[in-house]
N, C-alpha and C. Protein backbone atom coordinates (compact mmCIF):
# COMPACT_ATOMS: atom_id res chain seq x y z
N SER A 1 -19.71 -141.00 140.94
CA SER A 1 -18.32 -141.29 140.63
C SER A 1 -17.45 -140.15 141.11
N ALA A 2 -16.13 -140.38 141.14
CA ALA A 2 -15.18 -139.38 141.63
C ALA A 2 -15.13 -138.16 140.72
N ALA A 3 -15.29 -138.36 139.41
CA ALA A 3 -15.25 -137.24 138.46
C ALA A 3 -16.38 -136.27 138.72
N HIS A 4 -17.56 -136.81 139.05
CA HIS A 4 -18.70 -135.94 139.29
C HIS A 4 -18.58 -135.19 140.59
N SER A 5 -17.95 -135.76 141.59
CA SER A 5 -17.83 -135.08 142.88
C SER A 5 -16.82 -133.93 142.82
N ALA A 6 -15.90 -133.93 141.85
CA ALA A 6 -14.93 -132.84 141.71
C ALA A 6 -15.59 -131.55 141.23
N HIS A 7 -16.69 -131.67 140.52
CA HIS A 7 -17.41 -130.51 139.99
C HIS A 7 -18.81 -130.51 140.57
N PRO A 8 -19.09 -129.61 141.52
CA PRO A 8 -20.43 -129.58 142.10
C PRO A 8 -21.47 -129.19 141.04
N PRO A 9 -22.71 -129.54 141.26
CA PRO A 9 -23.75 -129.21 140.28
C PRO A 9 -23.82 -127.70 140.05
N THR A 10 -24.08 -127.30 138.81
CA THR A 10 -24.18 -125.89 138.45
C THR A 10 -25.62 -125.44 138.59
N THR A 11 -25.81 -124.32 139.27
CA THR A 11 -27.16 -123.77 139.42
C THR A 11 -27.29 -122.54 138.53
N VAL A 12 -28.50 -122.07 138.39
CA VAL A 12 -28.75 -120.85 137.62
C VAL A 12 -28.00 -119.68 138.27
N ALA A 13 -28.00 -119.66 139.58
CA ALA A 13 -27.29 -118.58 140.30
C ALA A 13 -25.80 -118.64 140.02
N ASP A 14 -25.21 -119.84 139.95
CA ASP A 14 -23.79 -119.99 139.64
C ASP A 14 -23.50 -119.42 138.25
N CYS A 15 -24.34 -119.75 137.29
CA CYS A 15 -24.15 -119.24 135.91
C CYS A 15 -24.22 -117.72 135.88
N ARG A 16 -25.19 -117.16 136.61
CA ARG A 16 -25.31 -115.69 136.65
C ARG A 16 -24.08 -115.06 137.27
N LEU A 17 -23.58 -115.65 138.35
CA LEU A 17 -22.38 -115.12 139.00
C LEU A 17 -21.18 -115.18 138.06
N ARG A 18 -21.03 -116.29 137.33
CA ARG A 18 -19.92 -116.41 136.38
C ARG A 18 -20.04 -115.37 135.26
N ARG A 19 -21.24 -115.20 134.72
CA ARG A 19 -21.46 -114.20 133.66
C ARG A 19 -21.13 -112.81 134.18
N LEU A 20 -21.59 -112.51 135.41
CA LEU A 20 -21.33 -111.21 136.02
C LEU A 20 -19.82 -111.00 136.19
N ALA A 21 -19.12 -112.01 136.67
CA ALA A 21 -17.67 -111.90 136.86
C ALA A 21 -16.98 -111.68 135.53
N HIS A 22 -17.40 -112.41 134.49
CA HIS A 22 -16.78 -112.24 133.17
C HIS A 22 -17.07 -110.85 132.60
N SER A 23 -18.31 -110.37 132.76
CA SER A 23 -18.63 -109.04 132.21
C SER A 23 -17.88 -107.95 132.99
N GLN A 24 -17.75 -108.10 134.31
CA GLN A 24 -17.01 -107.12 135.09
C GLN A 24 -15.54 -107.14 134.70
N GLU A 25 -15.01 -108.34 134.47
CA GLU A 25 -13.61 -108.47 134.05
C GLU A 25 -13.41 -107.81 132.69
N ALA A 26 -14.34 -108.04 131.77
CA ALA A 26 -14.24 -107.45 130.43
C ALA A 26 -14.30 -105.93 130.52
N ARG A 27 -15.21 -105.41 131.35
CA ARG A 27 -15.30 -103.95 131.52
C ARG A 27 -14.03 -103.40 132.13
N SER A 28 -13.48 -104.10 133.11
CA SER A 28 -12.24 -103.65 133.75
C SER A 28 -11.09 -103.61 132.75
N LEU A 29 -11.01 -104.66 131.90
CA LEU A 29 -9.96 -104.69 130.89
C LEU A 29 -10.13 -103.57 129.88
N ALA A 30 -11.37 -103.32 129.45
CA ALA A 30 -11.63 -102.25 128.49
C ALA A 30 -11.30 -100.89 129.11
N ALA A 31 -11.67 -100.71 130.37
CA ALA A 31 -11.38 -99.45 131.05
C ALA A 31 -9.87 -99.26 131.22
N ALA A 32 -9.16 -100.32 131.56
CA ALA A 32 -7.70 -100.24 131.71
C ALA A 32 -7.04 -99.89 130.39
N GLU A 33 -7.53 -100.49 129.31
CA GLU A 33 -6.98 -100.21 127.98
C GLU A 33 -7.21 -98.74 127.62
N ALA A 34 -8.40 -98.23 127.92
CA ALA A 34 -8.72 -96.84 127.59
C ALA A 34 -7.92 -95.87 128.44
N ARG A 35 -7.59 -96.26 129.68
CA ARG A 35 -6.81 -95.39 130.56
C ARG A 35 -5.34 -95.39 130.20
N ARG A 36 -4.93 -96.37 129.41
CA ARG A 36 -3.52 -96.45 129.05
C ARG A 36 -3.11 -95.18 128.34
N LYS A 37 -2.03 -94.62 128.78
CA LYS A 37 -1.55 -93.34 128.25
C LYS A 37 -1.12 -93.50 126.80
N GLY A 38 -1.35 -92.48 126.04
CA GLY A 38 -0.86 -92.47 124.66
C GLY A 38 -1.88 -91.90 123.70
N MET A 39 -1.46 -90.90 122.98
CA MET A 39 -2.30 -90.29 121.97
C MET A 39 -2.67 -91.33 120.92
N ARG A 40 -3.86 -91.21 120.36
CA ARG A 40 -4.29 -92.14 119.31
C ARG A 40 -4.50 -91.37 118.01
N ALA A 41 -4.14 -92.03 116.92
CA ALA A 41 -4.34 -91.43 115.60
C ALA A 41 -4.83 -92.50 114.63
N VAL A 42 -5.87 -92.18 113.90
CA VAL A 42 -6.36 -93.03 112.82
C VAL A 42 -5.95 -92.33 111.53
N VAL A 43 -5.15 -93.02 110.73
CA VAL A 43 -4.55 -92.41 109.54
C VAL A 43 -5.13 -93.06 108.29
N GLN A 44 -5.60 -92.23 107.35
CA GLN A 44 -6.17 -92.74 106.10
C GLN A 44 -5.55 -91.99 104.92
N ARG A 45 -5.08 -92.76 103.93
CA ARG A 45 -4.61 -92.14 102.69
C ARG A 45 -5.83 -91.65 101.93
N VAL A 46 -5.72 -90.45 101.37
CA VAL A 46 -6.85 -89.89 100.63
C VAL A 46 -6.38 -89.21 99.35
N LEU A 47 -7.26 -89.19 98.37
CA LEU A 47 -7.02 -88.38 97.17
C LEU A 47 -7.36 -86.93 97.48
N SER A 48 -8.35 -86.74 98.35
CA SER A 48 -8.70 -85.42 98.85
C SER A 48 -9.55 -85.61 100.10
N ALA A 49 -9.62 -84.58 100.90
CA ALA A 49 -10.46 -84.59 102.10
C ALA A 49 -10.75 -83.16 102.48
N SER A 50 -11.87 -82.97 103.17
CA SER A 50 -12.23 -81.62 103.61
C SER A 50 -12.96 -81.71 104.94
N VAL A 51 -13.06 -80.55 105.58
CA VAL A 51 -13.81 -80.42 106.82
C VAL A 51 -14.87 -79.37 106.59
N GLU A 52 -16.12 -79.73 106.87
CA GLU A 52 -17.23 -78.79 106.75
C GLU A 52 -17.81 -78.54 108.13
N VAL A 53 -18.08 -77.27 108.41
CA VAL A 53 -18.75 -76.88 109.64
C VAL A 53 -19.92 -75.99 109.24
N GLU A 54 -21.12 -76.37 109.66
CA GLU A 54 -22.34 -75.64 109.34
C GLU A 54 -22.47 -75.38 107.84
N GLY A 55 -22.14 -76.40 107.04
CA GLY A 55 -22.30 -76.32 105.59
C GLY A 55 -21.19 -75.59 104.86
N GLN A 56 -20.20 -75.08 105.58
CA GLN A 56 -19.09 -74.35 104.95
C GLN A 56 -17.80 -75.16 105.05
N VAL A 57 -17.05 -75.25 103.96
CA VAL A 57 -15.76 -75.92 103.98
C VAL A 57 -14.77 -75.01 104.71
N VAL A 58 -14.18 -75.53 105.79
CA VAL A 58 -13.23 -74.73 106.57
C VAL A 58 -11.78 -75.15 106.31
N SER A 59 -11.59 -76.36 105.77
CA SER A 59 -10.25 -76.85 105.40
C SER A 59 -10.41 -77.91 104.34
N ALA A 60 -9.41 -77.98 103.46
CA ALA A 60 -9.43 -79.01 102.41
C ALA A 60 -8.01 -79.30 101.98
N ILE A 61 -7.78 -80.57 101.60
CA ILE A 61 -6.48 -80.97 101.07
C ILE A 61 -6.69 -81.79 99.81
N GLY A 62 -5.61 -81.89 99.03
CA GLY A 62 -5.59 -82.79 97.89
C GLY A 62 -5.03 -84.12 98.37
N PRO A 63 -4.22 -84.80 97.55
CA PRO A 63 -3.68 -86.10 97.97
C PRO A 63 -2.87 -85.98 99.26
N GLY A 64 -3.02 -86.99 100.11
CA GLY A 64 -2.27 -86.99 101.36
C GLY A 64 -2.88 -87.87 102.41
N LEU A 65 -2.88 -87.35 103.65
CA LEU A 65 -3.35 -88.12 104.80
C LEU A 65 -4.43 -87.37 105.55
N LEU A 66 -5.50 -88.08 105.87
CA LEU A 66 -6.52 -87.61 106.79
C LEU A 66 -6.21 -88.28 108.12
N VAL A 67 -6.00 -87.49 109.18
CA VAL A 67 -5.59 -88.02 110.47
C VAL A 67 -6.58 -87.59 111.55
N LEU A 68 -7.30 -88.57 112.10
CA LEU A 68 -8.18 -88.31 113.24
C LEU A 68 -7.33 -88.48 114.50
N VAL A 69 -7.32 -87.49 115.37
CA VAL A 69 -6.44 -87.49 116.54
C VAL A 69 -7.26 -87.48 117.82
N GLY A 70 -6.99 -88.48 118.68
CA GLY A 70 -7.60 -88.55 120.00
C GLY A 70 -6.55 -88.26 121.05
N VAL A 71 -6.85 -87.34 121.97
CA VAL A 71 -5.88 -86.93 122.98
C VAL A 71 -6.31 -87.47 124.34
N HIS A 72 -5.40 -88.19 125.00
CA HIS A 72 -5.64 -88.77 126.32
C HIS A 72 -5.40 -87.72 127.39
N GLU A 73 -6.08 -87.85 128.52
CA GLU A 73 -5.96 -86.87 129.60
C GLU A 73 -4.53 -86.71 130.12
N ALA A 74 -3.69 -87.75 129.95
CA ALA A 74 -2.32 -87.69 130.47
C ALA A 74 -1.28 -87.46 129.39
N ASP A 75 -1.70 -87.15 128.16
CA ASP A 75 -0.74 -86.94 127.08
C ASP A 75 0.16 -85.74 127.38
N THR A 76 1.38 -85.84 126.88
CA THR A 76 2.38 -84.79 127.08
C THR A 76 2.94 -84.35 125.73
N SER A 77 3.80 -83.38 125.78
CA SER A 77 4.46 -82.88 124.57
C SER A 77 5.24 -84.00 123.87
N SER A 78 5.83 -84.91 124.64
CA SER A 78 6.59 -86.01 124.02
C SER A 78 5.66 -86.96 123.26
N ASP A 79 4.41 -87.13 123.72
CA ASP A 79 3.44 -87.94 122.99
C ASP A 79 3.10 -87.27 121.66
N ALA A 80 2.95 -85.95 121.70
CA ALA A 80 2.66 -85.20 120.47
C ALA A 80 3.83 -85.29 119.50
N ASP A 81 5.07 -85.18 120.02
CA ASP A 81 6.25 -85.32 119.17
C ASP A 81 6.27 -86.68 118.48
N TYR A 82 5.96 -87.72 119.24
CA TYR A 82 5.97 -89.09 118.72
C TYR A 82 4.94 -89.26 117.59
N ILE A 83 3.71 -88.83 117.83
CA ILE A 83 2.65 -88.96 116.80
C ILE A 83 3.02 -88.16 115.56
N CYS A 84 3.52 -86.96 115.74
CA CYS A 84 3.92 -86.12 114.62
C CYS A 84 4.99 -86.81 113.79
N ARG A 85 6.03 -87.28 114.45
CA ARG A 85 7.14 -87.95 113.75
C ARG A 85 6.65 -89.21 113.02
N LYS A 86 5.84 -90.01 113.68
CA LYS A 86 5.36 -91.26 113.08
C LYS A 86 4.47 -91.00 111.87
N VAL A 87 3.51 -90.09 112.01
CA VAL A 87 2.58 -89.82 110.91
C VAL A 87 3.32 -89.26 109.70
N LEU A 88 4.20 -88.31 109.93
CA LEU A 88 4.89 -87.68 108.80
C LEU A 88 5.89 -88.61 108.12
N ASN A 89 6.37 -89.62 108.84
CA ASN A 89 7.38 -90.51 108.26
C ASN A 89 6.87 -91.89 107.88
N MET A 90 5.59 -92.18 108.12
CA MET A 90 5.05 -93.48 107.73
C MET A 90 5.16 -93.65 106.22
N ARG A 91 5.66 -94.78 105.81
CA ARG A 91 5.80 -95.05 104.37
C ARG A 91 4.51 -95.71 103.88
N LEU A 92 3.61 -94.87 103.39
CA LEU A 92 2.28 -95.32 102.99
C LEU A 92 2.02 -95.19 101.50
N PHE A 93 2.95 -94.58 100.79
CA PHE A 93 2.71 -94.26 99.39
C PHE A 93 3.68 -94.98 98.47
N THR A 94 3.22 -95.22 97.25
CA THR A 94 4.03 -95.88 96.23
C THR A 94 5.10 -94.91 95.71
N ASN A 95 6.30 -95.44 95.52
CA ASN A 95 7.39 -94.67 94.92
C ASN A 95 7.14 -94.65 93.42
N GLU A 96 6.85 -93.49 92.87
CA GLU A 96 6.52 -93.41 91.44
C GLU A 96 7.70 -93.72 90.54
N LYS A 97 8.93 -93.53 91.03
CA LYS A 97 10.11 -93.82 90.21
C LYS A 97 10.37 -95.31 90.10
N THR A 98 10.22 -96.03 91.22
CA THR A 98 10.55 -97.46 91.24
C THR A 98 9.32 -98.36 91.16
N GLY A 99 8.15 -97.80 91.45
CA GLY A 99 6.93 -98.60 91.47
C GLY A 99 6.76 -99.39 92.76
N LYS A 100 7.69 -99.24 93.69
CA LYS A 100 7.64 -99.98 94.95
C LYS A 100 6.53 -99.42 95.84
N ALA A 101 5.62 -100.32 96.27
CA ALA A 101 4.52 -99.92 97.13
C ALA A 101 5.00 -99.69 98.56
N TRP A 102 4.27 -98.87 99.31
CA TRP A 102 4.56 -98.62 100.72
C TRP A 102 6.00 -98.18 100.94
N ASP A 103 6.45 -97.24 100.11
CA ASP A 103 7.86 -96.87 100.11
C ASP A 103 8.12 -95.42 100.48
N GLN A 104 7.14 -94.54 100.34
CA GLN A 104 7.40 -93.12 100.59
C GLN A 104 6.41 -92.51 101.57
N SER A 105 6.89 -91.50 102.27
CA SER A 105 6.07 -90.80 103.26
C SER A 105 5.30 -89.66 102.59
N VAL A 106 4.40 -89.07 103.33
CA VAL A 106 3.64 -87.92 102.85
C VAL A 106 4.59 -86.77 102.51
N MET A 107 5.67 -86.63 103.28
CA MET A 107 6.63 -85.55 103.02
C MET A 107 7.43 -85.82 101.75
N GLN A 108 7.84 -87.06 101.53
CA GLN A 108 8.60 -87.40 100.33
C GLN A 108 7.79 -87.16 99.07
N ARG A 109 6.47 -87.33 99.17
CA ARG A 109 5.61 -87.14 98.00
C ARG A 109 5.10 -85.69 97.90
N ASN A 110 5.43 -84.84 98.87
CA ASN A 110 4.93 -83.47 98.91
C ASN A 110 3.41 -83.41 98.92
N PHE A 111 2.80 -84.35 99.66
CA PHE A 111 1.36 -84.39 99.80
C PHE A 111 0.96 -83.56 101.02
N GLU A 112 -0.33 -83.51 101.30
CA GLU A 112 -0.84 -82.70 102.41
C GLU A 112 -1.36 -83.56 103.55
N VAL A 113 -1.58 -82.93 104.70
CA VAL A 113 -2.09 -83.59 105.90
C VAL A 113 -3.27 -82.79 106.42
N LEU A 114 -4.37 -83.48 106.71
CA LEU A 114 -5.54 -82.85 107.34
C LEU A 114 -5.73 -83.50 108.71
N LEU A 115 -5.54 -82.70 109.76
CA LEU A 115 -5.70 -83.17 111.14
C LEU A 115 -7.09 -82.81 111.64
N VAL A 116 -7.74 -83.77 112.30
CA VAL A 116 -9.08 -83.53 112.85
C VAL A 116 -9.12 -84.06 114.27
N SER A 117 -9.44 -83.20 115.24
CA SER A 117 -9.55 -83.64 116.63
C SER A 117 -10.75 -84.56 116.77
N GLN A 118 -10.56 -85.66 117.51
CA GLN A 118 -11.61 -86.68 117.61
C GLN A 118 -11.56 -87.33 118.99
N PHE A 119 -12.20 -86.69 119.98
CA PHE A 119 -12.15 -87.21 121.35
C PHE A 119 -12.77 -88.60 121.46
N THR A 120 -13.65 -88.96 120.53
CA THR A 120 -14.33 -90.26 120.61
C THR A 120 -13.36 -91.44 120.45
N LEU A 121 -12.13 -91.19 120.02
CA LEU A 121 -11.15 -92.28 119.94
C LEU A 121 -10.81 -92.81 121.32
N TYR A 122 -11.15 -92.05 122.36
CA TYR A 122 -10.93 -92.52 123.73
C TYR A 122 -12.22 -92.90 124.42
N GLY A 123 -13.24 -93.24 123.66
CA GLY A 123 -14.49 -93.69 124.25
C GLY A 123 -14.41 -95.16 124.65
N ILE A 124 -15.02 -95.48 125.77
CA ILE A 124 -15.19 -96.87 126.18
C ILE A 124 -16.67 -97.07 126.47
N LEU A 125 -17.13 -98.29 126.30
CA LEU A 125 -18.54 -98.56 126.57
C LEU A 125 -18.72 -98.99 128.01
N LYS A 126 -19.68 -98.38 128.65
CA LYS A 126 -20.14 -98.81 129.97
C LYS A 126 -21.57 -99.25 129.75
N GLY A 127 -21.72 -100.56 129.57
CA GLY A 127 -23.02 -101.08 129.15
C GLY A 127 -23.20 -100.70 127.70
N ASN A 128 -24.26 -99.95 127.40
CA ASN A 128 -24.49 -99.49 126.03
C ASN A 128 -24.22 -98.00 125.86
N LYS A 129 -23.63 -97.39 126.89
CA LYS A 129 -23.40 -95.95 126.86
C LYS A 129 -21.91 -95.66 126.74
N PRO A 130 -21.51 -94.80 125.79
CA PRO A 130 -20.09 -94.46 125.68
C PRO A 130 -19.66 -93.53 126.82
N ASP A 131 -18.43 -93.69 127.25
CA ASP A 131 -17.85 -92.87 128.31
C ASP A 131 -16.52 -92.33 127.79
N PHE A 132 -16.33 -91.03 127.88
CA PHE A 132 -15.14 -90.40 127.33
C PHE A 132 -14.27 -89.78 128.41
N HIS A 133 -14.36 -90.27 129.66
CA HIS A 133 -13.68 -89.61 130.77
C HIS A 133 -12.16 -89.67 130.68
N VAL A 134 -11.58 -90.56 129.87
CA VAL A 134 -10.12 -90.60 129.76
C VAL A 134 -9.60 -89.69 128.64
N ALA A 135 -10.50 -89.14 127.85
CA ALA A 135 -10.08 -88.14 126.86
C ALA A 135 -9.72 -86.86 127.62
N MET A 136 -8.76 -86.12 127.09
CA MET A 136 -8.36 -84.87 127.74
C MET A 136 -9.56 -83.92 127.76
N PRO A 137 -9.85 -83.28 128.90
CA PRO A 137 -10.96 -82.32 128.97
C PRO A 137 -10.77 -81.19 127.96
N PRO A 138 -11.88 -80.70 127.39
CA PRO A 138 -11.79 -79.68 126.32
C PRO A 138 -10.95 -78.46 126.65
N ALA A 139 -11.04 -77.93 127.86
CA ALA A 139 -10.28 -76.72 128.21
C ALA A 139 -8.77 -76.95 128.09
N LYS A 140 -8.33 -78.14 128.41
CA LYS A 140 -6.91 -78.48 128.31
C LYS A 140 -6.56 -79.01 126.91
N ALA A 141 -7.52 -79.72 126.30
CA ALA A 141 -7.28 -80.35 125.00
C ALA A 141 -7.15 -79.34 123.86
N LYS A 142 -7.91 -78.24 123.93
CA LYS A 142 -7.88 -77.26 122.83
C LYS A 142 -6.48 -76.69 122.62
N PRO A 143 -5.80 -76.16 123.66
CA PRO A 143 -4.44 -75.64 123.43
C PRO A 143 -3.44 -76.76 123.12
N PHE A 144 -3.66 -77.93 123.70
CA PHE A 144 -2.77 -79.06 123.42
C PHE A 144 -2.87 -79.46 121.95
N TYR A 145 -4.10 -79.56 121.44
CA TYR A 145 -4.32 -79.90 120.03
C TYR A 145 -3.73 -78.82 119.12
N ALA A 146 -3.90 -77.56 119.48
CA ALA A 146 -3.34 -76.46 118.68
C ALA A 146 -1.81 -76.58 118.62
N SER A 147 -1.20 -76.98 119.73
CA SER A 147 0.26 -77.15 119.72
C SER A 147 0.66 -78.35 118.87
N LEU A 148 -0.18 -79.37 118.81
CA LEU A 148 0.09 -80.53 117.94
C LEU A 148 0.05 -80.11 116.47
N VAL A 149 -0.95 -79.34 116.10
CA VAL A 149 -1.04 -78.84 114.71
C VAL A 149 0.21 -78.03 114.38
N GLU A 150 0.62 -77.19 115.32
CA GLU A 150 1.83 -76.37 115.13
C GLU A 150 3.07 -77.24 114.95
N LYS A 151 3.17 -78.33 115.72
CA LYS A 151 4.30 -79.27 115.58
C LYS A 151 4.34 -79.85 114.17
N PHE A 152 3.17 -80.27 113.67
CA PHE A 152 3.10 -80.82 112.32
C PHE A 152 3.55 -79.76 111.31
N GLN A 153 3.06 -78.54 111.46
CA GLN A 153 3.40 -77.48 110.52
C GLN A 153 4.89 -77.14 110.55
N LYS A 154 5.49 -77.11 111.74
CA LYS A 154 6.92 -76.81 111.85
C LYS A 154 7.78 -77.97 111.35
N SER A 155 7.29 -79.20 111.54
CA SER A 155 8.06 -80.38 111.12
C SER A 155 7.96 -80.63 109.62
N TYR A 156 6.95 -80.09 108.98
CA TYR A 156 6.75 -80.32 107.55
C TYR A 156 6.71 -78.96 106.86
N LYS A 157 5.57 -78.59 106.33
CA LYS A 157 5.39 -77.28 105.69
C LYS A 157 4.08 -76.70 106.20
N THR A 158 4.12 -75.48 106.67
CA THR A 158 2.94 -74.86 107.26
C THR A 158 1.72 -74.95 106.35
N ASP A 159 1.89 -74.66 105.07
CA ASP A 159 0.74 -74.64 104.17
C ASP A 159 0.29 -76.02 103.72
N SER A 160 1.02 -77.06 104.09
CA SER A 160 0.63 -78.44 103.72
C SER A 160 -0.07 -79.17 104.86
N VAL A 161 -0.21 -78.51 106.01
CA VAL A 161 -0.88 -79.11 107.16
C VAL A 161 -2.10 -78.27 107.50
N LYS A 162 -3.27 -78.88 107.41
CA LYS A 162 -4.53 -78.18 107.69
C LYS A 162 -5.22 -78.87 108.87
N ASP A 163 -6.22 -78.20 109.43
CA ASP A 163 -7.00 -78.83 110.49
C ASP A 163 -8.42 -78.31 110.47
N GLY A 164 -9.26 -78.96 111.27
CA GLY A 164 -10.65 -78.55 111.40
C GLY A 164 -10.78 -77.49 112.48
N ILE A 165 -11.97 -77.37 113.04
CA ILE A 165 -12.24 -76.42 114.11
C ILE A 165 -12.48 -77.24 115.38
N PHE A 166 -11.61 -77.06 116.36
CA PHE A 166 -11.68 -77.83 117.58
C PHE A 166 -13.05 -77.66 118.25
N GLY A 167 -13.67 -78.78 118.60
CA GLY A 167 -14.93 -78.76 119.33
C GLY A 167 -16.17 -78.56 118.47
N ALA A 168 -16.00 -78.26 117.20
CA ALA A 168 -17.16 -78.04 116.33
C ALA A 168 -17.71 -79.38 115.84
N MET A 169 -18.98 -79.38 115.46
CA MET A 169 -19.56 -80.54 114.80
C MET A 169 -19.07 -80.49 113.35
N MET A 170 -18.18 -81.42 113.00
CA MET A 170 -17.53 -81.38 111.70
C MET A 170 -17.99 -82.54 110.83
N LYS A 171 -18.14 -82.26 109.56
CA LYS A 171 -18.41 -83.28 108.56
C LYS A 171 -17.09 -83.44 107.80
N VAL A 172 -16.57 -84.69 107.75
CA VAL A 172 -15.26 -84.93 107.15
C VAL A 172 -15.39 -85.98 106.06
N PRO A 173 -15.71 -85.56 104.83
CA PRO A 173 -15.84 -86.55 103.76
C PRO A 173 -14.50 -86.80 103.05
N PRO A 174 -13.89 -88.00 103.24
CA PRO A 174 -12.65 -88.30 102.52
C PRO A 174 -12.98 -88.81 101.11
N SER A 175 -12.02 -88.68 100.21
CA SER A 175 -12.15 -89.27 98.90
C SER A 175 -10.91 -90.11 98.66
N ASN A 176 -11.09 -91.42 98.63
CA ASN A 176 -9.96 -92.30 98.37
C ASN A 176 -10.26 -93.27 97.23
N ARG A 177 -11.11 -92.85 96.32
CA ARG A 177 -11.44 -93.68 95.17
C ARG A 177 -10.22 -93.97 94.35
N CYS A 178 -10.03 -95.22 93.99
CA CYS A 178 -8.97 -95.67 93.09
C CYS A 178 -7.59 -95.23 93.55
N TYR A 179 -7.36 -95.23 94.87
CA TYR A 179 -6.06 -94.80 95.37
C TYR A 179 -5.05 -95.91 95.24
N ASN A 180 -3.85 -95.60 94.72
CA ASN A 180 -2.76 -96.58 94.63
C ASN A 180 -1.73 -96.28 95.68
């Protein structure tokens, strides 16, 4: 019939080629997304959080925000300004006077911020192996991250902004039990 002649028979090779094309397309899309410029931050409200390196606590905060920061190879000072402004002004906390949820920022509540460098936020999978080539290289990322921490401290309060140790193997246990 005419309907059958419009679609030639499918072979095993055709299926493999289609799967290959789809997987290559998916990898290309994932790689393009990872190459997209822009610092990444994962923000979590916490009752407390700390950073441990080699069994020693190097930083700790009480109530506030734990922020994992991923720096892209093309990030600039304006990207750092944007992340700093957004994180410090996000309305994530309940207003204790009115009871209104999602109404106040970390600064309005006089809470603390713990920043942790996390290059893995720019990881993409190539097959089953992670690739971090779009993360800023460590030699450039270390001073850039230090300037980001400084921006947070200058924009808020120096003693209310803490960070981990850049490049160290860090253990970061948050505590957000019963957080309102």
